[in-house]
N, C-alpha and C. Protein backbone atom coordinates (compact mmCIF):
# COMPACT_ATOMS: atom_id res chain seq x y z
N UNK A 1 -0.67 -23.71 -9.38
CA UNK A 1 -1.24 -22.44 -9.78
C UNK A 1 -0.12 -21.40 -9.80
N UNK A 2 0.13 -20.84 -10.97
CA UNK A 2 1.22 -19.87 -11.13
C UNK A 2 0.64 -18.46 -11.18
N UNK A 3 1.45 -17.50 -10.78
CA UNK A 3 1.06 -16.11 -10.83
C UNK A 3 2.20 -15.32 -11.45
N UNK A 4 1.87 -14.25 -12.16
CA UNK A 4 2.92 -13.45 -12.79
C UNK A 4 3.67 -12.61 -11.77
N UNK A 5 3.12 -12.46 -10.56
CA UNK A 5 3.76 -11.62 -9.55
C UNK A 5 4.78 -12.38 -8.73
N UNK A 6 4.75 -13.70 -8.78
CA UNK A 6 5.66 -14.48 -7.95
C UNK A 6 6.76 -15.06 -8.82
N UNK A 7 7.88 -15.24 -8.22
CA UNK A 7 8.97 -15.89 -8.93
C UNK A 7 8.96 -17.36 -8.54
N UNK A 8 9.51 -18.21 -9.36
CA UNK A 8 9.44 -19.64 -9.04
C UNK A 8 10.22 -19.95 -7.76
N UNK A 9 9.54 -20.52 -6.81
CA UNK A 9 10.19 -20.87 -5.55
C UNK A 9 10.74 -22.28 -5.65
N UNK A 10 11.98 -22.44 -5.22
CA UNK A 10 12.61 -23.74 -5.35
C UNK A 10 12.80 -24.43 -4.01
N UNK A 11 12.91 -23.68 -2.96
CA UNK A 11 13.10 -24.32 -1.67
C UNK A 11 12.26 -23.65 -0.60
N UNK A 12 12.31 -24.21 0.58
CA UNK A 12 11.46 -23.75 1.67
C UNK A 12 11.84 -22.35 2.14
N UNK A 13 13.12 -21.98 2.03
CA UNK A 13 13.53 -20.64 2.46
C UNK A 13 12.91 -19.57 1.57
N UNK A 14 12.84 -19.82 0.27
CA UNK A 14 12.25 -18.85 -0.64
C UNK A 14 10.75 -18.72 -0.40
N UNK A 15 10.10 -19.85 -0.10
CA UNK A 15 8.67 -19.79 0.19
C UNK A 15 8.42 -19.01 1.47
N UNK A 16 9.27 -19.21 2.45
CA UNK A 16 9.12 -18.47 3.70
C UNK A 16 9.35 -16.98 3.47
N UNK A 17 10.35 -16.64 2.65
CA UNK A 17 10.61 -15.24 2.32
C UNK A 17 9.40 -14.62 1.60
N UNK A 18 8.82 -15.34 0.66
CA UNK A 18 7.65 -14.84 -0.04
C UNK A 18 6.48 -14.63 0.93
N UNK A 19 6.28 -15.59 1.81
CA UNK A 19 5.18 -15.49 2.76
C UNK A 19 5.37 -14.29 3.68
N UNK A 20 6.58 -14.10 4.18
CA UNK A 20 6.87 -12.97 5.06
C UNK A 20 6.73 -11.65 4.30
N UNK A 21 7.21 -11.62 3.07
CA UNK A 21 7.12 -10.40 2.26
C UNK A 21 5.67 -10.01 2.00
N UNK A 22 4.86 -10.98 1.62
CA UNK A 22 3.46 -10.67 1.33
C UNK A 22 2.69 -10.31 2.59
N UNK A 23 2.99 -10.96 3.70
CA UNK A 23 2.27 -10.61 4.93
C UNK A 23 2.67 -9.21 5.39
N UNK A 24 3.96 -8.86 5.28
CA UNK A 24 4.38 -7.51 5.62
C UNK A 24 3.74 -6.50 4.68
N UNK A 25 3.68 -6.83 3.39
CA UNK A 25 3.08 -5.91 2.42
C UNK A 25 1.61 -5.67 2.73
N UNK A 26 0.90 -6.73 3.13
CA UNK A 26 -0.50 -6.57 3.50
C UNK A 26 -0.65 -5.68 4.72
N UNK A 27 0.19 -5.90 5.73
CA UNK A 27 0.09 -5.09 6.95
C UNK A 27 0.44 -3.63 6.67
N UNK A 28 1.49 -3.40 5.90
CA UNK A 28 1.89 -2.04 5.57
C UNK A 28 0.82 -1.35 4.73
N UNK A 29 0.29 -2.07 3.76
CA UNK A 29 -0.77 -1.53 2.93
C UNK A 29 -2.02 -1.23 3.76
N UNK A 30 -2.35 -2.10 4.70
CA UNK A 30 -3.50 -1.87 5.57
C UNK A 30 -3.31 -0.64 6.44
N UNK A 31 -2.09 -0.45 6.96
CA UNK A 31 -1.82 0.74 7.77
C UNK A 31 -1.92 2.01 6.93
N UNK A 32 -1.41 1.96 5.70
CA UNK A 32 -1.51 3.12 4.82
C UNK A 32 -2.97 3.39 4.46
N UNK A 33 -3.75 2.34 4.25
CA UNK A 33 -5.17 2.51 3.97
C UNK A 33 -5.89 3.20 5.13
N UNK A 34 -5.61 2.76 6.35
CA UNK A 34 -6.22 3.40 7.51
C UNK A 34 -5.83 4.87 7.61
N UNK A 35 -4.58 5.15 7.32
CA UNK A 35 -4.11 6.54 7.35
C UNK A 35 -4.81 7.38 6.28
N UNK A 36 -5.01 6.81 5.10
CA UNK A 36 -5.68 7.55 4.04
C UNK A 36 -7.17 7.76 4.34
N UNK A 37 -7.79 6.81 5.00
CA UNK A 37 -9.18 7.00 5.41
C UNK A 37 -9.25 8.12 6.44
N UNK A 38 -8.26 8.18 7.34
CA UNK A 38 -8.19 9.30 8.29
C UNK A 38 -8.04 10.63 7.54
N UNK A 39 -7.20 10.65 6.50
CA UNK A 39 -7.04 11.86 5.69
C UNK A 39 -8.38 12.27 5.08
N UNK A 40 -9.10 11.29 4.54
CA UNK A 40 -10.38 11.59 3.89
C UNK A 40 -11.40 12.10 4.89
N UNK A 41 -11.44 11.50 6.07
CA UNK A 41 -12.38 11.97 7.11
C UNK A 41 -12.02 13.38 7.56
N UNK A 42 -10.73 13.64 7.73
CA UNK A 42 -10.30 14.98 8.17
C UNK A 42 -10.62 16.03 7.10
N UNK A 43 -10.39 15.70 5.84
CA UNK A 43 -10.71 16.64 4.77
C UNK A 43 -12.21 16.87 4.66
N UNK A 44 -13.01 15.84 4.87
CA UNK A 44 -14.46 16.04 4.82
C UNK A 44 -14.95 16.83 6.03
N UNK A 45 -14.28 16.66 7.18
CA UNK A 45 -14.62 17.50 8.34
C UNK A 45 -14.31 18.96 8.07
N UNK A 46 -13.23 19.23 7.36
CA UNK A 46 -12.92 20.61 6.98
C UNK A 46 -13.95 21.15 6.01
N UNK A 47 -14.37 20.31 5.08
CA UNK A 47 -15.36 20.76 4.10
C UNK A 47 -16.71 21.08 4.77
N UNK A 48 -17.05 20.33 5.81
CA UNK A 48 -18.32 20.56 6.53
C UNK A 48 -18.18 21.56 7.66
N UNK A 49 -17.01 22.16 7.81
CA UNK A 49 -16.73 23.17 8.84
C UNK A 49 -16.77 22.62 10.27
N UNK A 50 -16.43 21.34 10.43
CA UNK A 50 -16.28 20.80 11.78
C UNK A 50 -14.89 21.09 12.33
N UNK A 51 -13.93 21.32 11.44
CA UNK A 51 -12.56 21.69 11.82
C UNK A 51 -12.22 23.00 11.14
N UNK A 52 -11.34 23.77 11.80
CA UNK A 52 -10.85 24.94 11.10
C UNK A 52 -9.65 24.53 10.24
N UNK A 53 -9.28 25.37 9.32
CA UNK A 53 -8.27 25.02 8.32
C UNK A 53 -6.90 24.78 8.96
N UNK A 54 -6.54 25.58 9.93
CA UNK A 54 -5.22 25.43 10.56
C UNK A 54 -5.11 24.09 11.29
N UNK A 55 -6.14 23.73 12.04
CA UNK A 55 -6.12 22.47 12.78
C UNK A 55 -6.09 21.27 11.83
N UNK A 56 -6.89 21.33 10.78
CA UNK A 56 -6.94 20.25 9.80
C UNK A 56 -5.58 20.08 9.11
N UNK A 57 -5.00 21.16 8.67
CA UNK A 57 -3.72 21.09 7.95
C UNK A 57 -2.59 20.63 8.86
N UNK A 58 -2.60 21.05 10.12
CA UNK A 58 -1.53 20.59 11.02
C UNK A 58 -1.65 19.09 11.28
N UNK A 59 -2.88 18.58 11.40
CA UNK A 59 -3.07 17.13 11.58
C UNK A 59 -2.59 16.35 10.36
N UNK A 60 -2.98 16.81 9.19
CA UNK A 60 -2.61 16.09 7.96
C UNK A 60 -1.11 16.19 7.67
N UNK A 61 -0.52 17.35 7.91
CA UNK A 61 0.91 17.50 7.67
C UNK A 61 1.75 16.67 8.63
N UNK A 62 1.23 16.41 9.83
CA UNK A 62 1.98 15.57 10.78
C UNK A 62 2.03 14.13 10.29
N UNK A 63 0.97 13.65 9.65
CA UNK A 63 0.91 12.25 9.20
C UNK A 63 1.51 12.04 7.81
N UNK A 64 1.74 13.09 7.05
CA UNK A 64 2.25 12.93 5.69
C UNK A 64 3.62 12.25 5.62
N UNK A 65 4.60 12.57 6.47
CA UNK A 65 5.86 11.83 6.41
C UNK A 65 5.70 10.35 6.75
N UNK A 66 4.74 10.01 7.59
CA UNK A 66 4.50 8.59 7.91
C UNK A 66 3.96 7.86 6.69
N UNK A 67 3.13 8.51 5.91
CA UNK A 67 2.62 7.93 4.68
C UNK A 67 3.77 7.68 3.70
N UNK A 68 4.62 8.66 3.56
CA UNK A 68 5.78 8.53 2.68
C UNK A 68 6.72 7.44 3.17
N UNK A 69 6.95 7.38 4.47
CA UNK A 69 7.83 6.35 5.03
C UNK A 69 7.27 4.95 4.86
N UNK A 70 5.97 4.79 5.02
CA UNK A 70 5.35 3.48 4.81
C UNK A 70 5.48 3.01 3.38
N UNK A 71 5.29 3.90 2.42
CA UNK A 71 5.44 3.53 1.02
C UNK A 71 6.89 3.26 0.68
N UNK A 72 7.82 4.04 1.24
CA UNK A 72 9.24 3.81 0.98
C UNK A 72 9.68 2.46 1.55
N UNK A 73 9.23 2.14 2.75
CA UNK A 73 9.57 0.86 3.36
C UNK A 73 9.01 -0.31 2.54
N UNK A 74 7.80 -0.17 2.06
CA UNK A 74 7.20 -1.21 1.23
C UNK A 74 7.99 -1.40 -0.06
N UNK A 75 8.40 -0.31 -0.67
CA UNK A 75 9.18 -0.40 -1.92
C UNK A 75 10.54 -1.05 -1.69
N UNK A 76 11.17 -0.71 -0.57
CA UNK A 76 12.48 -1.31 -0.26
C UNK A 76 12.34 -2.81 -0.01
N UNK A 77 11.31 -3.21 0.72
CA UNK A 77 11.10 -4.63 0.99
C UNK A 77 10.84 -5.39 -0.30
N UNK A 78 10.02 -4.84 -1.18
CA UNK A 78 9.75 -5.51 -2.45
C UNK A 78 11.00 -5.57 -3.33
N UNK A 79 11.82 -4.53 -3.28
CA UNK A 79 13.04 -4.52 -4.09
C UNK A 79 14.03 -5.59 -3.61
N UNK A 80 14.26 -5.65 -2.30
CA UNK A 80 15.25 -6.57 -1.78
C UNK A 80 14.76 -8.02 -1.72
N UNK A 81 13.45 -8.23 -1.77
CA UNK A 81 12.97 -9.61 -1.79
C UNK A 81 12.85 -10.15 -3.21
N UNK A 82 13.11 -9.31 -4.20
CA UNK A 82 13.16 -9.79 -5.58
C UNK A 82 11.83 -9.80 -6.30
N UNK A 83 10.85 -9.09 -5.84
CA UNK A 83 9.56 -9.00 -6.52
C UNK A 83 9.56 -7.76 -7.40
N UNK A 84 10.16 -7.91 -8.58
CA UNK A 84 10.44 -6.76 -9.43
C UNK A 84 9.19 -6.14 -9.99
N UNK A 85 8.22 -6.94 -10.40
CA UNK A 85 7.01 -6.38 -10.98
C UNK A 85 6.21 -5.59 -9.95
N UNK A 86 6.09 -6.12 -8.75
CA UNK A 86 5.40 -5.39 -7.69
C UNK A 86 6.15 -4.12 -7.33
N UNK A 87 7.47 -4.19 -7.32
CA UNK A 87 8.27 -3.01 -7.04
C UNK A 87 8.06 -1.94 -8.11
N UNK A 88 8.06 -2.37 -9.38
CA UNK A 88 7.85 -1.42 -10.47
C UNK A 88 6.47 -0.78 -10.43
N UNK A 89 5.48 -1.51 -9.93
CA UNK A 89 4.14 -0.95 -9.81
C UNK A 89 4.01 0.00 -8.63
N UNK A 90 4.87 -0.15 -7.62
CA UNK A 90 4.80 0.70 -6.43
C UNK A 90 5.70 1.93 -6.52
N UNK A 91 6.71 1.90 -7.37
CA UNK A 91 7.66 3.02 -7.46
C UNK A 91 7.01 4.32 -7.92
N UNK A 92 6.10 4.32 -8.91
CA UNK A 92 5.49 5.61 -9.29
C UNK A 92 4.76 6.30 -8.15
N UNK A 93 4.12 5.54 -7.27
CA UNK A 93 3.44 6.14 -6.12
C UNK A 93 4.47 6.75 -5.18
N UNK A 94 5.57 6.04 -4.95
CA UNK A 94 6.63 6.57 -4.10
C UNK A 94 7.22 7.85 -4.70
N UNK A 95 7.46 7.85 -5.99
CA UNK A 95 8.01 9.03 -6.66
C UNK A 95 7.04 10.20 -6.54
N UNK A 96 5.73 9.94 -6.71
CA UNK A 96 4.75 11.01 -6.58
C UNK A 96 4.70 11.56 -5.16
N UNK A 97 4.76 10.68 -4.16
CA UNK A 97 4.73 11.15 -2.78
C UNK A 97 5.97 11.98 -2.44
N UNK A 98 7.14 11.55 -2.93
CA UNK A 98 8.37 12.32 -2.69
C UNK A 98 8.30 13.66 -3.41
N UNK A 99 7.80 13.65 -4.64
CA UNK A 99 7.66 14.91 -5.38
C UNK A 99 6.72 15.87 -4.66
N UNK A 100 5.61 15.35 -4.16
CA UNK A 100 4.65 16.19 -3.44
C UNK A 100 5.26 16.78 -2.18
N UNK A 101 6.06 15.97 -1.49
CA UNK A 101 6.68 16.44 -0.25
C UNK A 101 7.74 17.50 -0.53
N UNK A 102 8.52 17.32 -1.58
CA UNK A 102 9.61 18.25 -1.86
C UNK A 102 9.18 19.47 -2.65
N UNK A 103 7.98 19.46 -3.21
CA UNK A 103 7.55 20.61 -4.01
C UNK A 103 6.67 21.58 -3.21
N UNK A 104 6.78 21.55 -1.91
CA UNK A 104 6.03 22.49 -1.08
C UNK A 104 6.64 23.87 -1.26
N UNK A 105 5.78 24.83 -1.56
CA UNK A 105 6.27 26.19 -1.80
C UNK A 105 6.84 26.79 -0.51
N UNK A 106 7.84 27.64 -0.64
CA UNK A 106 8.36 28.32 0.54
C UNK A 106 7.28 29.19 1.17
N UNK A 107 7.19 29.15 2.47
CA UNK A 107 6.18 29.92 3.19
C UNK A 107 4.98 29.08 3.60
N UNK A 108 4.77 27.94 2.95
CA UNK A 108 3.68 27.04 3.34
C UNK A 108 4.14 26.17 4.50
N UNK A 109 3.20 25.73 5.31
CA UNK A 109 3.58 24.90 6.46
C UNK A 109 3.73 23.44 6.09
N UNK A 110 3.35 23.08 4.89
CA UNK A 110 3.47 21.70 4.42
C UNK A 110 2.65 21.50 3.16
N UNK A 111 2.39 20.25 2.83
CA UNK A 111 1.58 19.96 1.66
C UNK A 111 0.19 20.57 1.82
N UNK A 112 -0.33 20.45 3.00
CA UNK A 112 -1.65 21.02 3.31
C UNK A 112 -1.43 22.35 4.02
N UNK A 113 -1.71 23.44 3.33
CA UNK A 113 -1.52 24.78 3.88
C UNK A 113 -2.89 25.42 4.10
N UNK A 114 -3.12 26.01 5.30
CA UNK A 114 -4.45 26.57 5.59
C UNK A 114 -4.89 27.67 4.63
N UNK A 115 -3.96 28.49 4.16
CA UNK A 115 -4.33 29.58 3.26
C UNK A 115 -4.72 29.05 1.88
N UNK A 116 -4.00 28.05 1.42
CA UNK A 116 -4.25 27.52 0.07
C UNK A 116 -5.42 26.56 0.01
N UNK A 117 -5.67 25.85 1.10
CA UNK A 117 -6.65 24.77 1.03
C UNK A 117 -8.07 25.30 0.87
N UNK A 118 -8.37 26.45 1.41
CA UNK A 118 -9.72 27.01 1.25
C UNK A 118 -9.77 28.09 0.19
N UNK A 119 -8.80 29.01 0.20
CA UNK A 119 -8.82 30.13 -0.74
C UNK A 119 -8.43 29.70 -2.15
N UNK A 120 -7.50 28.78 -2.25
CA UNK A 120 -7.03 28.35 -3.57
C UNK A 120 -7.84 27.23 -4.18
N UNK A 121 -8.85 26.75 -3.48
CA UNK A 121 -9.66 25.66 -4.02
C UNK A 121 -8.94 24.32 -4.03
N UNK A 122 -7.99 24.15 -3.14
CA UNK A 122 -7.21 22.92 -3.11
C UNK A 122 -7.92 21.77 -2.38
N UNK A 123 -9.00 22.06 -1.70
CA UNK A 123 -9.67 21.04 -0.90
C UNK A 123 -10.19 19.89 -1.78
N UNK A 124 -10.82 20.22 -2.91
CA UNK A 124 -11.32 19.17 -3.80
C UNK A 124 -10.18 18.38 -4.43
N UNK A 125 -9.09 19.06 -4.74
CA UNK A 125 -7.94 18.36 -5.32
C UNK A 125 -7.33 17.39 -4.32
N UNK A 126 -7.18 17.82 -3.07
CA UNK A 126 -6.63 16.93 -2.04
C UNK A 126 -7.57 15.75 -1.78
N UNK A 127 -8.88 16.01 -1.78
CA UNK A 127 -9.85 14.93 -1.58
C UNK A 127 -9.79 13.94 -2.74
N UNK A 128 -9.70 14.43 -3.97
CA UNK A 128 -9.61 13.55 -5.13
C UNK A 128 -8.33 12.72 -5.09
N UNK A 129 -7.20 13.35 -4.76
CA UNK A 129 -5.94 12.60 -4.67
C UNK A 129 -6.01 11.53 -3.59
N UNK A 130 -6.64 11.84 -2.47
CA UNK A 130 -6.77 10.85 -1.41
C UNK A 130 -7.63 9.69 -1.86
N UNK A 131 -8.69 9.94 -2.60
CA UNK A 131 -9.54 8.87 -3.12
C UNK A 131 -8.78 8.00 -4.13
N UNK A 132 -7.96 8.61 -4.96
CA UNK A 132 -7.15 7.84 -5.92
C UNK A 132 -6.16 6.95 -5.17
N UNK A 133 -5.52 7.48 -4.13
CA UNK A 133 -4.59 6.68 -3.34
C UNK A 133 -5.31 5.55 -2.62
N UNK A 134 -6.50 5.81 -2.10
CA UNK A 134 -7.27 4.75 -1.43
C UNK A 134 -7.58 3.63 -2.42
N UNK A 135 -7.97 3.99 -3.63
CA UNK A 135 -8.27 2.98 -4.65
C UNK A 135 -7.03 2.16 -4.97
N UNK A 136 -5.89 2.81 -5.15
CA UNK A 136 -4.65 2.09 -5.46
C UNK A 136 -4.29 1.12 -4.33
N UNK A 137 -4.29 1.61 -3.11
CA UNK A 137 -3.88 0.75 -2.00
C UNK A 137 -4.89 -0.35 -1.71
N UNK A 138 -6.16 -0.11 -1.97
CA UNK A 138 -7.17 -1.14 -1.77
C UNK A 138 -6.99 -2.27 -2.78
N UNK A 139 -6.73 -1.91 -4.04
CA UNK A 139 -6.48 -2.93 -5.06
C UNK A 139 -5.24 -3.74 -4.69
N UNK A 140 -4.18 -3.06 -4.30
CA UNK A 140 -2.96 -3.78 -3.98
C UNK A 140 -3.06 -4.57 -2.68
N UNK A 141 -3.92 -4.16 -1.76
CA UNK A 141 -4.14 -4.96 -0.56
C UNK A 141 -4.67 -6.34 -0.95
N UNK A 142 -5.62 -6.38 -1.87
CA UNK A 142 -6.17 -7.66 -2.29
C UNK A 142 -5.19 -8.44 -3.17
N UNK A 143 -4.34 -7.75 -3.92
CA UNK A 143 -3.29 -8.44 -4.68
C UNK A 143 -2.32 -9.12 -3.71
N UNK A 144 -1.90 -8.40 -2.67
CA UNK A 144 -1.00 -9.00 -1.69
C UNK A 144 -1.67 -10.12 -0.92
N UNK A 145 -2.95 -9.99 -0.64
CA UNK A 145 -3.68 -11.07 0.03
C UNK A 145 -3.72 -12.31 -0.84
N UNK A 146 -4.00 -12.15 -2.12
CA UNK A 146 -4.02 -13.28 -3.05
C UNK A 146 -2.64 -13.94 -3.12
N UNK A 147 -1.60 -13.12 -3.24
CA UNK A 147 -0.25 -13.68 -3.34
C UNK A 147 0.18 -14.35 -2.04
N UNK A 148 -0.26 -13.81 -0.92
CA UNK A 148 0.03 -14.42 0.38
C UNK A 148 -0.61 -15.80 0.48
N UNK A 149 -1.87 -15.90 0.09
CA UNK A 149 -2.55 -17.20 0.13
C UNK A 149 -1.90 -18.16 -0.86
N UNK A 150 -1.54 -17.66 -2.03
CA UNK A 150 -0.88 -18.49 -3.03
C UNK A 150 0.47 -19.00 -2.53
N UNK A 151 1.22 -18.15 -1.84
CA UNK A 151 2.52 -18.56 -1.30
C UNK A 151 2.35 -19.61 -0.20
N UNK A 152 1.29 -19.51 0.58
CA UNK A 152 1.04 -20.51 1.62
C UNK A 152 0.63 -21.85 1.04
N UNK A 153 -0.06 -21.82 -0.09
CA UNK A 153 -0.57 -23.07 -0.67
C UNK A 153 0.41 -23.77 -1.58
N UNK A 154 1.44 -23.08 -2.03
CA UNK A 154 2.41 -23.71 -2.93
C UNK A 154 3.22 -24.74 -2.19
N UNK A 155 3.42 -25.87 -2.85
CA UNK A 155 4.24 -26.93 -2.27
C UNK A 155 4.97 -27.66 -3.38
N UNK A 156 6.16 -28.15 -3.08
CA UNK A 156 6.93 -28.92 -4.05
C UNK A 156 6.78 -30.42 -3.82
N UNK A 157 6.15 -30.78 -2.74
CA UNK A 157 6.01 -32.19 -2.43
C UNK A 157 5.00 -32.82 -3.36
N UNK A 158 5.35 -34.02 -3.82
CA UNK A 158 4.42 -34.76 -4.65
C UNK A 158 3.42 -35.46 -3.75
N UNK A 159 2.18 -35.51 -4.17
CA UNK A 159 1.21 -36.22 -3.35
C UNK A 159 1.51 -37.72 -3.36
N UNK A 160 1.15 -38.41 -2.31
CA UNK A 160 1.43 -39.85 -2.28
C UNK A 160 0.64 -40.55 -3.38
N UNK A 161 1.21 -41.63 -3.90
CA UNK A 161 0.50 -42.34 -4.97
C UNK A 161 -0.81 -42.93 -4.42
N UNK A 162 -1.79 -43.02 -5.26
CA UNK A 162 -3.05 -43.58 -4.78
C UNK A 162 -2.88 -45.06 -4.41
N UNK A 163 -3.59 -45.44 -3.43
CA UNK A 163 -3.53 -46.84 -2.99
C UNK A 163 -4.49 -47.64 -3.87
N UNK A 164 -3.91 -48.66 -4.47
CA UNK A 164 -4.71 -49.50 -5.34
C UNK A 164 -5.10 -50.75 -4.60
N UNK A 165 -6.36 -50.96 -4.51
CA UNK A 165 -6.85 -52.19 -3.89
C UNK A 165 -7.62 -52.95 -4.94
N UNK A 166 -7.19 -54.16 -5.21
CA UNK A 166 -7.92 -54.93 -6.22
C UNK A 166 -9.34 -55.27 -5.71
N UNK A 167 -10.23 -55.30 -6.64
CA UNK A 167 -11.61 -55.64 -6.27
C UNK A 167 -11.76 -57.16 -6.23
N UNK A 168 -12.37 -57.63 -5.20
CA UNK A 168 -12.62 -59.07 -5.08
C UNK A 168 -14.05 -59.36 -5.50
N UNK A 169 -14.15 -60.31 -6.33
CA UNK A 169 -15.49 -60.66 -6.79
C UNK A 169 -16.07 -61.81 -6.05
């Protein structure tokens, strides 16, 4: 069974590298998914007035570099393990996260600013972006799971020939 995301493995070291890469990608993706669910819960708590804007924004801004670091680490691992298609699919998300981090206006405390999030109507935009990220990472979690199982099942060994027993009449 071939997949467009995997490169042809020729020896046991490459299969082990693929297995380790996909298992790390699943774990990293799972951690990012949990972080994004936390973002969504925190933003919905702000929308329902369970948190004040300053507390919500300080919590989210503290976790934002971890989100960026997790995506950067995932991209580096995919690049150095030779999974070019997966790397190309993950780079736009990394570029967007870096752009978001570096385009914070002067005077704001971070991506999530208490003054802008309620007065500027940014709450719905942040919630929508978080939902888009959750969808992306959820899809790729299952892609990595599929590739992980595929890497575990691939083998170069030929099955033993069938045993032929003549029928006695």
